[in-house]
Amino acid sequence: MIKEKLGHRVDAVVHALFPFLFIRPISPDLLTVGGALVSLVAAAFFVRGEFFTAGVVMFLGGLFDLVDGVVARHFGISTTFGGFLDSTLDRFVDMVILLGIALYYSGAGERGLALLTAYVLVCTVLTSYAKARAESDLERLPGGMLERGERMAFVVVGAVSGYMEVVLGLLAIGTTYTVGQRLFAAHREMARLDGARHEAEQAAVTQASEATQ
């Protein structure tokens, strides 16, 4: 939701905060992979129960994810594969972070919290998949309430504040709602697309019929 509203206006903020990234060209793919590796370290800290450290490291990993696209646009080196890589590693990070939290709670005997985290993980994957699958047929599907940036921000806040249990509950509700939003939006837009296609087919049949008369 935030990303959808800000769009590329975040570019100016990144230029102001990290001017050294724009001195000479740097591979945005390298930044993308670097961010994923940093987030993998954060997941390891979650497994160990070191939530505060995990939150800080996760925040640093998120900075990589924030700047890679800006760097690519600044130097005009955006590629189709770069977008694919970024999206794929985003899903990887989403899953390993939540898996790390789930493993910690499972090892600590907190089965309820482990199951809650697993549910958030499932809804997170569904949220991303619903958009990707819908946009194979539609030009665009609205983002919904909790997109990736908001979800990751919630996890960071929960980790550093010590209120991860509360955050997981909010994420469970928010991601469920977001999946529902995307399903509803996909149904509406696909029904409209099917209607337009049906009208075009009917018009073609009518035109062909008139031509043979």
N, C-alpha and C. Protein backbone atom coordinates (compact mmCIF):
# COMPACT_ATOMS: atom_id res chain seq x y z
N MET A 1 0.83 -1.20 0.00
CA MET A 1 0.00 0.00 0.00
C MET A 1 0.87 1.26 0.00
N ILE A 2 1.88 1.29 0.89
CA ILE A 2 2.79 2.44 0.94
C ILE A 2 3.58 2.56 -0.36
N LYS A 3 4.11 1.44 -0.84
CA LYS A 3 4.90 1.44 -2.08
C LYS A 3 4.06 1.92 -3.24
N GLU A 4 2.78 1.49 -3.27
CA GLU A 4 1.89 1.87 -4.36
C GLU A 4 1.65 3.37 -4.37
N LYS A 5 1.57 3.98 -3.18
CA LYS A 5 1.31 5.41 -3.08
C LYS A 5 2.56 6.24 -3.37
N LEU A 6 3.71 5.77 -2.91
CA LEU A 6 4.94 6.55 -3.08
C LEU A 6 5.52 6.44 -4.48
N GLY A 7 5.41 5.22 -5.04
CA GLY A 7 5.97 5.02 -6.37
C GLY A 7 7.46 5.30 -6.38
N HIS A 8 7.93 6.00 -7.42
CA HIS A 8 9.36 6.29 -7.57
C HIS A 8 9.78 7.55 -6.81
N ARG A 9 8.86 8.13 -6.02
CA ARG A 9 9.24 9.30 -5.25
C ARG A 9 10.26 8.97 -4.17
N VAL A 10 10.36 7.66 -3.84
CA VAL A 10 11.35 7.25 -2.85
C VAL A 10 12.77 7.41 -3.39
N ASP A 11 12.91 7.51 -4.73
CA ASP A 11 14.24 7.64 -5.35
C ASP A 11 15.00 8.84 -4.79
N ALA A 12 14.32 9.96 -4.63
CA ALA A 12 14.98 11.17 -4.13
C ALA A 12 15.50 10.97 -2.71
N VAL A 13 14.74 10.25 -1.91
CA VAL A 13 15.15 9.97 -0.53
C VAL A 13 16.41 9.10 -0.52
N VAL A 14 16.42 8.08 -1.36
CA VAL A 14 17.58 7.18 -1.44
C VAL A 14 18.81 7.95 -1.92
N HIS A 15 18.64 8.83 -2.90
CA HIS A 15 19.77 9.64 -3.39
C HIS A 15 20.34 10.51 -2.27
N ALA A 16 19.45 11.05 -1.44
CA ALA A 16 19.91 11.93 -0.37
C ALA A 16 20.60 11.15 0.74
N LEU A 17 20.12 9.95 1.06
CA LEU A 17 20.66 9.17 2.17
C LEU A 17 21.92 8.39 1.79
N PHE A 18 22.00 7.94 0.53
CA PHE A 18 23.11 7.07 0.11
C PHE A 18 23.76 7.60 -1.17
N PRO A 19 24.32 8.82 -1.13
CA PRO A 19 24.91 9.40 -2.36
C PRO A 19 26.09 8.60 -2.90
N PHE A 20 26.76 7.85 -2.04
CA PHE A 20 27.94 7.09 -2.49
C PHE A 20 27.57 5.97 -3.47
N LEU A 21 26.29 5.58 -3.47
CA LEU A 21 25.86 4.51 -4.38
C LEU A 21 25.78 4.98 -5.83
N PHE A 22 25.83 6.30 -6.03
CA PHE A 22 25.60 6.85 -7.36
C PHE A 22 26.85 7.52 -7.94
N ILE A 23 28.01 7.23 -7.34
CA ILE A 23 29.27 7.79 -7.84
C ILE A 23 29.69 7.08 -9.13
N ARG A 24 29.58 5.76 -9.11
CA ARG A 24 29.89 4.97 -10.29
C ARG A 24 28.92 3.79 -10.35
N PRO A 25 28.70 3.22 -11.53
CA PRO A 25 27.72 2.13 -11.66
C PRO A 25 28.08 0.93 -10.79
N ILE A 26 27.06 0.38 -10.14
CA ILE A 26 27.20 -0.84 -9.34
C ILE A 26 26.05 -1.76 -9.73
N SER A 27 26.33 -3.03 -9.79
CA SER A 27 25.31 -3.99 -10.24
C SER A 27 24.14 -4.04 -9.26
N PRO A 28 22.93 -3.70 -9.71
CA PRO A 28 21.77 -3.81 -8.83
C PRO A 28 21.49 -5.26 -8.44
N ASP A 29 21.85 -6.20 -9.33
CA ASP A 29 21.67 -7.62 -9.00
C ASP A 29 22.54 -8.01 -7.80
N LEU A 30 23.74 -7.43 -7.74
CA LEU A 30 24.64 -7.69 -6.63
C LEU A 30 24.03 -7.18 -5.32
N LEU A 31 23.41 -6.02 -5.38
CA LEU A 31 22.73 -5.47 -4.20
C LEU A 31 21.56 -6.36 -3.79
N THR A 32 20.82 -6.85 -4.78
CA THR A 32 19.69 -7.73 -4.49
C THR A 32 20.14 -9.00 -3.79
N VAL A 33 21.18 -9.63 -4.31
CA VAL A 33 21.70 -10.86 -3.70
C VAL A 33 22.27 -10.57 -2.32
N GLY A 34 22.98 -9.44 -2.19
CA GLY A 34 23.54 -9.06 -0.90
C GLY A 34 22.47 -8.89 0.16
N GLY A 35 21.35 -8.27 -0.22
CA GLY A 35 20.24 -8.09 0.71
C GLY A 35 19.66 -9.41 1.15
N ALA A 36 19.55 -10.35 0.21
CA ALA A 36 19.01 -11.67 0.55
C ALA A 36 19.93 -12.41 1.53
N LEU A 37 21.25 -12.28 1.32
CA LEU A 37 22.20 -12.95 2.21
C LEU A 37 22.17 -12.34 3.61
N VAL A 38 22.05 -11.01 3.68
CA VAL A 38 21.95 -10.35 4.98
C VAL A 38 20.68 -10.81 5.70
N SER A 39 19.59 -10.92 4.97
CA SER A 39 18.33 -11.37 5.56
C SER A 39 18.42 -12.82 6.02
N LEU A 40 19.22 -13.62 5.32
CA LEU A 40 19.42 -15.00 5.74
C LEU A 40 20.13 -15.05 7.10
N VAL A 41 21.06 -14.14 7.32
CA VAL A 41 21.73 -14.01 8.62
C VAL A 41 20.70 -13.62 9.69
N ALA A 42 19.79 -12.70 9.33
CA ALA A 42 18.74 -12.30 10.27
C ALA A 42 17.88 -13.50 10.66
N ALA A 43 17.56 -14.35 9.68
CA ALA A 43 16.76 -15.54 9.96
C ALA A 43 17.48 -16.46 10.94
N ALA A 44 18.81 -16.56 10.80
CA ALA A 44 19.59 -17.40 11.72
C ALA A 44 19.52 -16.85 13.14
N PHE A 45 19.55 -15.54 13.28
CA PHE A 45 19.41 -14.94 14.61
C PHE A 45 18.01 -15.19 15.18
N PHE A 46 17.00 -15.19 14.35
CA PHE A 46 15.65 -15.51 14.82
C PHE A 46 15.61 -16.93 15.37
N VAL A 47 16.23 -17.86 14.66
CA VAL A 47 16.25 -19.26 15.11
C VAL A 47 16.91 -19.36 16.48
N ARG A 48 17.94 -18.57 16.72
CA ARG A 48 18.65 -18.58 18.00
C ARG A 48 17.89 -17.83 19.10
N GLY A 49 16.82 -17.15 18.74
CA GLY A 49 16.05 -16.41 19.73
C GLY A 49 16.59 -15.02 20.01
N GLU A 50 17.55 -14.57 19.22
CA GLU A 50 18.13 -13.23 19.39
C GLU A 50 17.33 -12.25 18.53
N PHE A 51 16.13 -11.95 18.98
CA PHE A 51 15.18 -11.21 18.16
C PHE A 51 15.62 -9.76 17.89
N PHE A 52 16.18 -9.11 18.90
CA PHE A 52 16.58 -7.72 18.69
C PHE A 52 17.65 -7.63 17.61
N THR A 53 18.68 -8.47 17.74
CA THR A 53 19.75 -8.48 16.73
C THR A 53 19.20 -8.84 15.36
N ALA A 54 18.29 -9.82 15.33
CA ALA A 54 17.68 -10.24 14.07
C ALA A 54 16.93 -9.07 13.43
N GLY A 55 16.23 -8.29 14.25
CA GLY A 55 15.48 -7.15 13.72
C GLY A 55 16.39 -6.10 13.11
N VAL A 56 17.51 -5.84 13.78
CA VAL A 56 18.47 -4.85 13.27
C VAL A 56 19.08 -5.33 11.94
N VAL A 57 19.50 -6.59 11.92
CA VAL A 57 20.09 -7.15 10.70
C VAL A 57 19.08 -7.18 9.56
N MET A 58 17.84 -7.52 9.91
CA MET A 58 16.78 -7.55 8.92
C MET A 58 16.53 -6.16 8.33
N PHE A 59 16.60 -5.15 9.17
CA PHE A 59 16.44 -3.77 8.69
C PHE A 59 17.55 -3.43 7.70
N LEU A 60 18.78 -3.83 8.01
CA LEU A 60 19.91 -3.57 7.11
C LEU A 60 19.70 -4.29 5.78
N GLY A 61 19.21 -5.52 5.83
CA GLY A 61 18.93 -6.26 4.60
C GLY A 61 17.86 -5.56 3.78
N GLY A 62 16.89 -4.97 4.47
CA GLY A 62 15.83 -4.24 3.78
C GLY A 62 16.34 -3.03 3.04
N LEU A 63 17.42 -2.41 3.54
CA LEU A 63 18.00 -1.26 2.85
C LEU A 63 18.52 -1.65 1.47
N PHE A 64 19.09 -2.85 1.37
CA PHE A 64 19.56 -3.33 0.07
C PHE A 64 18.39 -3.42 -0.90
N ASP A 65 17.28 -3.96 -0.39
CA ASP A 65 16.10 -4.13 -1.22
C ASP A 65 15.51 -2.79 -1.64
N LEU A 66 15.71 -1.79 -0.80
CA LEU A 66 15.21 -0.45 -1.09
C LEU A 66 16.00 0.23 -2.20
N VAL A 67 17.33 0.03 -2.20
CA VAL A 67 18.18 0.81 -3.11
C VAL A 67 18.46 0.14 -4.45
N ASP A 68 18.27 -1.18 -4.56
CA ASP A 68 18.68 -1.85 -5.80
C ASP A 68 17.94 -1.32 -7.03
N GLY A 69 16.62 -1.14 -6.89
CA GLY A 69 15.86 -0.62 -8.02
C GLY A 69 16.20 0.82 -8.34
N VAL A 70 16.47 1.61 -7.30
CA VAL A 70 16.83 3.02 -7.51
C VAL A 70 18.15 3.12 -8.26
N VAL A 71 19.11 2.30 -7.88
CA VAL A 71 20.41 2.28 -8.56
C VAL A 71 20.24 1.89 -10.03
N ALA A 72 19.41 0.85 -10.26
CA ALA A 72 19.18 0.40 -11.63
C ALA A 72 18.57 1.50 -12.49
N ARG A 73 17.60 2.22 -11.94
CA ARG A 73 16.96 3.29 -12.70
C ARG A 73 17.91 4.47 -12.91
N HIS A 74 18.72 4.79 -11.91
CA HIS A 74 19.63 5.93 -12.01
C HIS A 74 20.64 5.75 -13.13
N PHE A 75 21.21 4.54 -13.23
CA PHE A 75 22.24 4.30 -14.23
C PHE A 75 21.67 3.74 -15.54
N GLY A 76 20.35 3.55 -15.58
CA GLY A 76 19.72 3.03 -16.79
C GLY A 76 20.13 1.61 -17.10
N ILE A 77 20.29 0.80 -16.05
CA ILE A 77 20.74 -0.58 -16.26
C ILE A 77 19.70 -1.58 -15.75
N SER A 78 18.45 -1.18 -15.75
CA SER A 78 17.38 -2.09 -15.38
C SER A 78 17.27 -3.20 -16.43
N THR A 79 17.08 -4.43 -15.97
CA THR A 79 16.92 -5.55 -16.90
C THR A 79 15.71 -6.38 -16.49
N THR A 80 15.20 -7.13 -17.44
CA THR A 80 14.06 -8.02 -17.16
C THR A 80 14.46 -9.07 -16.12
N PHE A 81 15.67 -9.61 -16.27
CA PHE A 81 16.13 -10.62 -15.31
C PHE A 81 16.30 -10.01 -13.92
N GLY A 82 16.75 -8.75 -13.87
CA GLY A 82 16.92 -8.10 -12.58
C GLY A 82 15.61 -8.02 -11.81
N GLY A 83 14.52 -7.69 -12.53
CA GLY A 83 13.22 -7.66 -11.89
C GLY A 83 12.79 -9.04 -11.42
N PHE A 84 13.06 -10.05 -12.24
CA PHE A 84 12.74 -11.43 -11.87
C PHE A 84 13.53 -11.86 -10.64
N LEU A 85 14.83 -11.56 -10.64
CA LEU A 85 15.68 -11.93 -9.51
C LEU A 85 15.22 -11.26 -8.23
N ASP A 86 14.91 -9.98 -8.32
CA ASP A 86 14.46 -9.23 -7.15
C ASP A 86 13.19 -9.83 -6.58
N SER A 87 12.23 -10.12 -7.44
CA SER A 87 10.95 -10.69 -6.99
C SER A 87 11.14 -12.08 -6.39
N THR A 88 11.99 -12.88 -7.02
CA THR A 88 12.22 -14.25 -6.53
C THR A 88 12.90 -14.24 -5.16
N LEU A 89 13.93 -13.41 -5.01
CA LEU A 89 14.63 -13.36 -3.72
C LEU A 89 13.79 -12.70 -2.64
N ASP A 90 12.87 -11.82 -3.02
CA ASP A 90 11.93 -11.27 -2.04
C ASP A 90 11.11 -12.39 -1.42
N ARG A 91 10.64 -13.33 -2.26
CA ARG A 91 9.85 -14.46 -1.75
C ARG A 91 10.73 -15.33 -0.85
N PHE A 92 11.99 -15.53 -1.25
CA PHE A 92 12.92 -16.31 -0.44
C PHE A 92 13.10 -15.69 0.94
N VAL A 93 13.31 -14.37 0.97
CA VAL A 93 13.51 -13.67 2.24
C VAL A 93 12.25 -13.76 3.12
N ASP A 94 11.09 -13.53 2.51
CA ASP A 94 9.83 -13.63 3.26
C ASP A 94 9.74 -14.97 3.98
N MET A 95 10.05 -16.03 3.25
CA MET A 95 9.87 -17.37 3.81
C MET A 95 10.92 -17.72 4.86
N VAL A 96 12.19 -17.39 4.60
CA VAL A 96 13.22 -17.79 5.56
C VAL A 96 13.10 -17.01 6.87
N ILE A 97 12.68 -15.74 6.79
CA ILE A 97 12.50 -14.95 8.01
C ILE A 97 11.41 -15.56 8.88
N LEU A 98 10.25 -15.82 8.29
CA LEU A 98 9.14 -16.39 9.06
C LEU A 98 9.44 -17.82 9.48
N LEU A 99 10.16 -18.56 8.65
CA LEU A 99 10.55 -19.92 9.03
C LEU A 99 11.48 -19.89 10.23
N GLY A 100 12.40 -18.92 10.25
CA GLY A 100 13.30 -18.79 11.39
C GLY A 100 12.55 -18.52 12.68
N ILE A 101 11.53 -17.66 12.61
CA ILE A 101 10.72 -17.36 13.80
C ILE A 101 9.94 -18.59 14.23
N ALA A 102 9.36 -19.29 13.26
CA ALA A 102 8.58 -20.50 13.57
C ALA A 102 9.47 -21.56 14.21
N LEU A 103 10.69 -21.72 13.70
CA LEU A 103 11.60 -22.72 14.26
C LEU A 103 11.98 -22.37 15.70
N TYR A 104 12.17 -21.09 15.97
CA TYR A 104 12.48 -20.69 17.34
C TYR A 104 11.34 -21.05 18.28
N TYR A 105 10.13 -20.66 17.92
CA TYR A 105 8.99 -20.94 18.80
C TYR A 105 8.75 -22.43 18.96
N SER A 106 8.95 -23.18 17.89
CA SER A 106 8.79 -24.63 17.97
C SER A 106 9.81 -25.24 18.93
N GLY A 107 11.07 -24.80 18.82
CA GLY A 107 12.11 -25.30 19.70
C GLY A 107 11.91 -24.89 21.15
N ALA A 108 11.25 -23.74 21.34
CA ALA A 108 11.00 -23.25 22.70
C ALA A 108 9.73 -23.85 23.31
N GLY A 109 9.07 -24.73 22.56
CA GLY A 109 7.86 -25.37 23.06
C GLY A 109 6.61 -24.51 22.93
N GLU A 110 6.71 -23.39 22.21
CA GLU A 110 5.55 -22.50 22.00
C GLU A 110 4.84 -22.92 20.71
N ARG A 111 4.11 -24.02 20.79
CA ARG A 111 3.50 -24.58 19.59
C ARG A 111 2.45 -23.65 18.99
N GLY A 112 1.71 -22.97 19.83
CA GLY A 112 0.69 -22.05 19.33
C GLY A 112 1.29 -20.92 18.51
N LEU A 113 2.39 -20.34 19.02
CA LEU A 113 3.05 -19.26 18.29
C LEU A 113 3.75 -19.78 17.03
N ALA A 114 4.25 -21.01 17.10
CA ALA A 114 4.87 -21.61 15.92
C ALA A 114 3.82 -21.80 14.82
N LEU A 115 2.63 -22.27 15.20
CA LEU A 115 1.56 -22.46 14.23
C LEU A 115 1.06 -21.11 13.69
N LEU A 116 1.00 -20.11 14.56
CA LEU A 116 0.58 -18.78 14.13
C LEU A 116 1.56 -18.22 13.11
N THR A 117 2.85 -18.39 13.36
CA THR A 117 3.87 -17.93 12.42
C THR A 117 3.77 -18.68 11.10
N ALA A 118 3.52 -19.99 11.18
CA ALA A 118 3.36 -20.79 9.97
C ALA A 118 2.16 -20.31 9.16
N TYR A 119 1.09 -19.94 9.86
CA TYR A 119 -0.09 -19.43 9.16
C TYR A 119 0.23 -18.10 8.45
N VAL A 120 0.96 -17.22 9.13
CA VAL A 120 1.36 -15.95 8.51
C VAL A 120 2.23 -16.23 7.28
N LEU A 121 3.11 -17.22 7.38
CA LEU A 121 3.97 -17.58 6.25
C LEU A 121 3.11 -18.02 5.06
N VAL A 122 2.12 -18.88 5.32
CA VAL A 122 1.24 -19.35 4.24
C VAL A 122 0.50 -18.18 3.59
N CYS A 123 -0.05 -17.28 4.42
CA CYS A 123 -0.78 -16.13 3.88
C CYS A 123 0.14 -15.18 3.12
N THR A 124 1.39 -15.07 3.58
CA THR A 124 2.37 -14.23 2.89
C THR A 124 2.64 -14.76 1.49
N VAL A 125 2.82 -16.08 1.38
CA VAL A 125 3.06 -16.69 0.07
C VAL A 125 1.83 -16.53 -0.82
N LEU A 126 0.64 -16.73 -0.25
CA LEU A 126 -0.60 -16.59 -1.01
C LEU A 126 -0.79 -15.16 -1.51
N THR A 127 -0.43 -14.18 -0.66
CA THR A 127 -0.57 -12.78 -1.04
C THR A 127 0.27 -12.49 -2.29
N SER A 128 1.51 -12.95 -2.28
CA SER A 128 2.40 -12.72 -3.42
C SER A 128 1.95 -13.51 -4.64
N TYR A 129 1.56 -14.78 -4.42
CA TYR A 129 1.17 -15.62 -5.55
C TYR A 129 -0.10 -15.10 -6.22
N ALA A 130 -1.07 -14.65 -5.41
CA ALA A 130 -2.33 -14.17 -5.98
C ALA A 130 -2.09 -13.01 -6.94
N LYS A 131 -1.21 -12.11 -6.56
CA LYS A 131 -0.91 -10.96 -7.44
C LYS A 131 -0.18 -11.42 -8.70
N ALA A 132 0.84 -12.27 -8.52
CA ALA A 132 1.61 -12.73 -9.67
C ALA A 132 0.74 -13.52 -10.65
N ARG A 133 -0.10 -14.41 -10.11
CA ARG A 133 -0.97 -15.22 -10.98
C ARG A 133 -2.01 -14.37 -11.68
N ALA A 134 -2.62 -13.44 -10.94
CA ALA A 134 -3.64 -12.59 -11.54
C ALA A 134 -3.07 -11.73 -12.65
N GLU A 135 -1.84 -11.24 -12.46
CA GLU A 135 -1.24 -10.35 -13.45
C GLU A 135 -0.70 -11.10 -14.67
N SER A 136 -0.83 -12.44 -14.67
CA SER A 136 -0.55 -13.18 -15.90
C SER A 136 -1.72 -13.05 -16.87
N ASP A 137 -2.90 -12.66 -16.35
CA ASP A 137 -4.08 -12.44 -17.18
C ASP A 137 -4.50 -10.97 -17.21
N LEU A 138 -4.23 -10.26 -16.12
CA LEU A 138 -4.62 -8.86 -16.02
C LEU A 138 -3.41 -7.96 -16.19
N GLU A 139 -3.65 -6.73 -16.61
CA GLU A 139 -2.55 -5.77 -16.74
C GLU A 139 -2.01 -5.40 -15.38
N ARG A 140 -2.90 -5.29 -14.40
CA ARG A 140 -2.47 -4.88 -13.06
C ARG A 140 -3.51 -5.30 -12.04
N LEU A 141 -3.04 -5.69 -10.84
CA LEU A 141 -3.93 -6.00 -9.73
C LEU A 141 -3.55 -5.09 -8.57
N PRO A 142 -4.52 -4.38 -7.98
CA PRO A 142 -4.22 -3.50 -6.85
C PRO A 142 -3.52 -4.25 -5.72
N GLY A 143 -2.62 -3.54 -5.01
CA GLY A 143 -1.77 -4.18 -4.01
C GLY A 143 -2.49 -4.74 -2.80
N GLY A 144 -3.46 -4.02 -2.25
CA GLY A 144 -4.12 -4.48 -1.03
C GLY A 144 -3.52 -3.81 0.20
N MET A 145 -4.03 -4.19 1.36
CA MET A 145 -3.67 -3.49 2.59
C MET A 145 -2.23 -3.73 3.02
N LEU A 146 -1.81 -5.00 3.09
CA LEU A 146 -0.46 -5.32 3.58
C LEU A 146 0.39 -5.89 2.46
N GLU A 147 1.19 -5.04 1.83
CA GLU A 147 2.14 -5.53 0.85
C GLU A 147 3.44 -5.90 1.57
N ARG A 148 4.44 -6.29 0.79
CA ARG A 148 5.66 -6.82 1.39
C ARG A 148 6.35 -5.82 2.32
N GLY A 149 6.45 -4.58 1.91
CA GLY A 149 7.13 -3.58 2.72
C GLY A 149 6.51 -3.44 4.10
N GLU A 150 5.18 -3.39 4.14
CA GLU A 150 4.48 -3.27 5.42
C GLU A 150 4.68 -4.51 6.29
N ARG A 151 4.63 -5.69 5.66
CA ARG A 151 4.80 -6.93 6.42
C ARG A 151 6.19 -7.00 7.05
N MET A 152 7.20 -6.69 6.27
CA MET A 152 8.56 -6.75 6.79
C MET A 152 8.80 -5.70 7.88
N ALA A 153 8.20 -4.53 7.70
CA ALA A 153 8.32 -3.48 8.72
C ALA A 153 7.69 -3.93 10.03
N PHE A 154 6.56 -4.60 9.95
CA PHE A 154 5.90 -5.13 11.15
C PHE A 154 6.81 -6.11 11.88
N VAL A 155 7.45 -7.00 11.12
CA VAL A 155 8.33 -8.01 11.73
C VAL A 155 9.51 -7.34 12.42
N VAL A 156 10.10 -6.34 11.75
CA VAL A 156 11.23 -5.61 12.35
C VAL A 156 10.80 -4.95 13.66
N VAL A 157 9.67 -4.27 13.65
CA VAL A 157 9.16 -3.61 14.86
C VAL A 157 8.90 -4.62 15.96
N GLY A 158 8.30 -5.75 15.61
CA GLY A 158 8.04 -6.78 16.61
C GLY A 158 9.32 -7.33 17.21
N ALA A 159 10.34 -7.49 16.36
CA ALA A 159 11.61 -8.06 16.83
C ALA A 159 12.34 -7.12 17.78
N VAL A 160 12.42 -5.84 17.43
CA VAL A 160 13.20 -4.91 18.25
C VAL A 160 12.43 -4.41 19.48
N SER A 161 11.10 -4.49 19.42
CA SER A 161 10.29 -4.00 20.54
C SER A 161 9.99 -5.08 21.58
N GLY A 162 10.14 -6.34 21.18
CA GLY A 162 9.82 -7.42 22.10
C GLY A 162 8.35 -7.82 22.08
N TYR A 163 7.59 -7.28 21.14
CA TYR A 163 6.15 -7.60 21.04
C TYR A 163 5.86 -8.43 19.79
N MET A 164 6.71 -9.41 19.51
CA MET A 164 6.54 -10.21 18.31
C MET A 164 5.22 -10.98 18.31
N GLU A 165 4.79 -11.44 19.48
CA GLU A 165 3.53 -12.19 19.55
C GLU A 165 2.36 -11.33 19.08
N VAL A 166 2.34 -10.07 19.52
CA VAL A 166 1.28 -9.14 19.11
C VAL A 166 1.36 -8.89 17.61
N VAL A 167 2.56 -8.66 17.12
CA VAL A 167 2.76 -8.38 15.70
C VAL A 167 2.32 -9.56 14.84
N LEU A 168 2.63 -10.78 15.28
CA LEU A 168 2.21 -11.96 14.51
C LEU A 168 0.69 -12.05 14.44
N GLY A 169 0.03 -11.71 15.54
CA GLY A 169 -1.43 -11.71 15.53
C GLY A 169 -1.97 -10.69 14.53
N LEU A 170 -1.37 -9.50 14.53
CA LEU A 170 -1.79 -8.46 13.58
C LEU A 170 -1.51 -8.88 12.15
N LEU A 171 -0.36 -9.52 11.94
CA LEU A 171 -0.02 -9.98 10.60
C LEU A 171 -0.97 -11.07 10.13
N ALA A 172 -1.37 -11.95 11.03
CA ALA A 172 -2.31 -13.01 10.67
C ALA A 172 -3.62 -12.41 10.17
N ILE A 173 -4.10 -11.41 10.88
CA ILE A 173 -5.34 -10.74 10.48
C ILE A 173 -5.13 -9.96 9.18
N GLY A 174 -4.05 -9.18 9.13
CA GLY A 174 -3.80 -8.31 7.98
C GLY A 174 -3.54 -9.08 6.70
N THR A 175 -2.75 -10.16 6.77
CA THR A 175 -2.45 -10.92 5.56
C THR A 175 -3.68 -11.69 5.08
N THR A 176 -4.49 -12.18 6.01
CA THR A 176 -5.73 -12.85 5.62
C THR A 176 -6.63 -11.88 4.86
N TYR A 177 -6.74 -10.68 5.41
CA TYR A 177 -7.58 -9.65 4.77
C TYR A 177 -7.03 -9.28 3.39
N THR A 178 -5.70 -9.19 3.28
CA THR A 178 -5.09 -8.82 2.01
C THR A 178 -5.30 -9.89 0.95
N VAL A 179 -5.18 -11.16 1.35
CA VAL A 179 -5.47 -12.25 0.41
C VAL A 179 -6.90 -12.13 -0.08
N GLY A 180 -7.84 -11.88 0.85
CA GLY A 180 -9.23 -11.71 0.47
C GLY A 180 -9.42 -10.54 -0.48
N GLN A 181 -8.74 -9.43 -0.20
CA GLN A 181 -8.81 -8.26 -1.08
C GLN A 181 -8.37 -8.61 -2.49
N ARG A 182 -7.27 -9.32 -2.61
CA ARG A 182 -6.73 -9.64 -3.93
C ARG A 182 -7.62 -10.65 -4.66
N LEU A 183 -8.20 -11.60 -3.93
CA LEU A 183 -9.12 -12.54 -4.56
C LEU A 183 -10.36 -11.80 -5.08
N PHE A 184 -10.89 -10.90 -4.28
CA PHE A 184 -12.07 -10.13 -4.69
C PHE A 184 -11.75 -9.26 -5.89
N ALA A 185 -10.60 -8.57 -5.84
CA ALA A 185 -10.21 -7.70 -6.95
C ALA A 185 -9.98 -8.50 -8.23
N ALA A 186 -9.34 -9.68 -8.10
CA ALA A 186 -9.09 -10.53 -9.26
C ALA A 186 -10.41 -11.01 -9.86
N HIS A 187 -11.34 -11.42 -8.99
CA HIS A 187 -12.65 -11.87 -9.47
C HIS A 187 -13.37 -10.75 -10.23
N ARG A 188 -13.35 -9.55 -9.69
CA ARG A 188 -14.02 -8.42 -10.33
C ARG A 188 -13.40 -8.09 -11.68
N GLU A 189 -12.06 -7.99 -11.71
CA GLU A 189 -11.39 -7.60 -12.95
C GLU A 189 -11.45 -8.70 -14.00
N MET A 190 -11.37 -9.97 -13.57
CA MET A 190 -11.43 -11.08 -14.53
C MET A 190 -12.84 -11.24 -15.09
N ALA A 191 -13.85 -10.99 -14.25
CA ALA A 191 -15.23 -11.04 -14.74
C ALA A 191 -15.44 -9.95 -15.80
N ARG A 192 -14.86 -8.79 -15.56
CA ARG A 192 -14.96 -7.69 -16.53
C ARG A 192 -14.24 -8.06 -17.82
N LEU A 193 -13.06 -8.70 -17.68
CA LEU A 193 -12.29 -9.12 -18.86
C LEU A 193 -13.06 -10.18 -19.65
N ASP A 194 -13.65 -11.15 -18.94
CA ASP A 194 -14.43 -12.20 -19.61
C ASP A 194 -15.64 -11.60 -20.31
N GLY A 195 -16.28 -10.61 -19.66
CA GLY A 195 -17.43 -9.96 -20.27
C GLY A 195 -17.06 -9.25 -21.56
N ALA A 196 -15.95 -8.54 -21.55
CA ALA A 196 -15.48 -7.83 -22.74
C ALA A 196 -15.12 -8.82 -23.86
N ARG A 197 -14.49 -9.93 -23.46
CA ARG A 197 -14.12 -10.94 -24.45
C ARG A 197 -15.38 -11.57 -25.07
N HIS A 198 -16.38 -11.84 -24.23
CA HIS A 198 -17.62 -12.44 -24.72
C HIS A 198 -18.33 -11.49 -25.68
N GLU A 199 -18.34 -10.20 -25.32
CA GLU A 199 -18.98 -9.22 -26.21
C GLU A 199 -18.26 -9.14 -27.55
N ALA A 200 -16.94 -9.21 -27.52
CA ALA A 200 -16.17 -9.18 -28.76
C ALA A 200 -16.45 -10.39 -29.63
N GLU A 201 -16.57 -11.56 -28.98
CA GLU A 201 -16.87 -12.79 -29.72
C GLU A 201 -18.26 -12.72 -30.34
N GLN A 202 -19.23 -12.21 -29.56
CA GLN A 202 -20.59 -12.09 -30.07
C GLN A 202 -20.65 -11.12 -31.24
N ALA A 203 -19.89 -10.02 -31.12
CA ALA A 203 -19.86 -9.04 -32.21
C ALA A 203 -19.25 -9.66 -33.47
N ALA A 204 -18.21 -10.49 -33.29
CA ALA A 204 -17.56 -11.14 -34.43
C ALA A 204 -18.51 -12.12 -35.10
N VAL A 205 -19.28 -12.86 -34.29
CA VAL A 205 -20.24 -13.82 -34.84
C VAL A 205 -21.33 -13.09 -35.62
N THR A 206 -21.83 -11.98 -35.02
CA THR A 206 -22.88 -11.20 -35.68
C THR A 206 -22.39 -10.62 -37.00
N GLN A 207 -21.15 -10.13 -36.98
CA GLN A 207 -20.57 -9.54 -38.20
C GLN A 207 -20.40 -10.60 -39.28
N ALA A 208 -19.96 -11.80 -38.88
CA ALA A 208 -19.78 -12.88 -39.84
C ALA A 208 -21.13 -13.33 -40.43
N SER A 209 -22.14 -13.35 -39.54
CA SER A 209 -23.47 -13.76 -39.99
C SER A 209 -24.04 -12.78 -40.99
N GLU A 210 -23.85 -11.50 -40.72
CA GLU A 210 -24.35 -10.46 -41.63
C GLU A 210 -23.62 -10.49 -42.97
N ALA A 211 -22.35 -10.86 -42.90
CA ALA A 211 -21.56 -10.90 -44.16
C ALA A 211 -21.99 -12.01 -45.08
N THR A 212 -22.54 -13.10 -44.53
CA THR A 212 -22.96 -14.24 -45.35
C THR A 212 -24.37 -14.09 -45.89
N GLN A 213 -25.09 -13.10 -45.40
CA GLN A 213 -26.48 -12.91 -45.84
C GLN A 213 -26.54 -12.17 -47.19
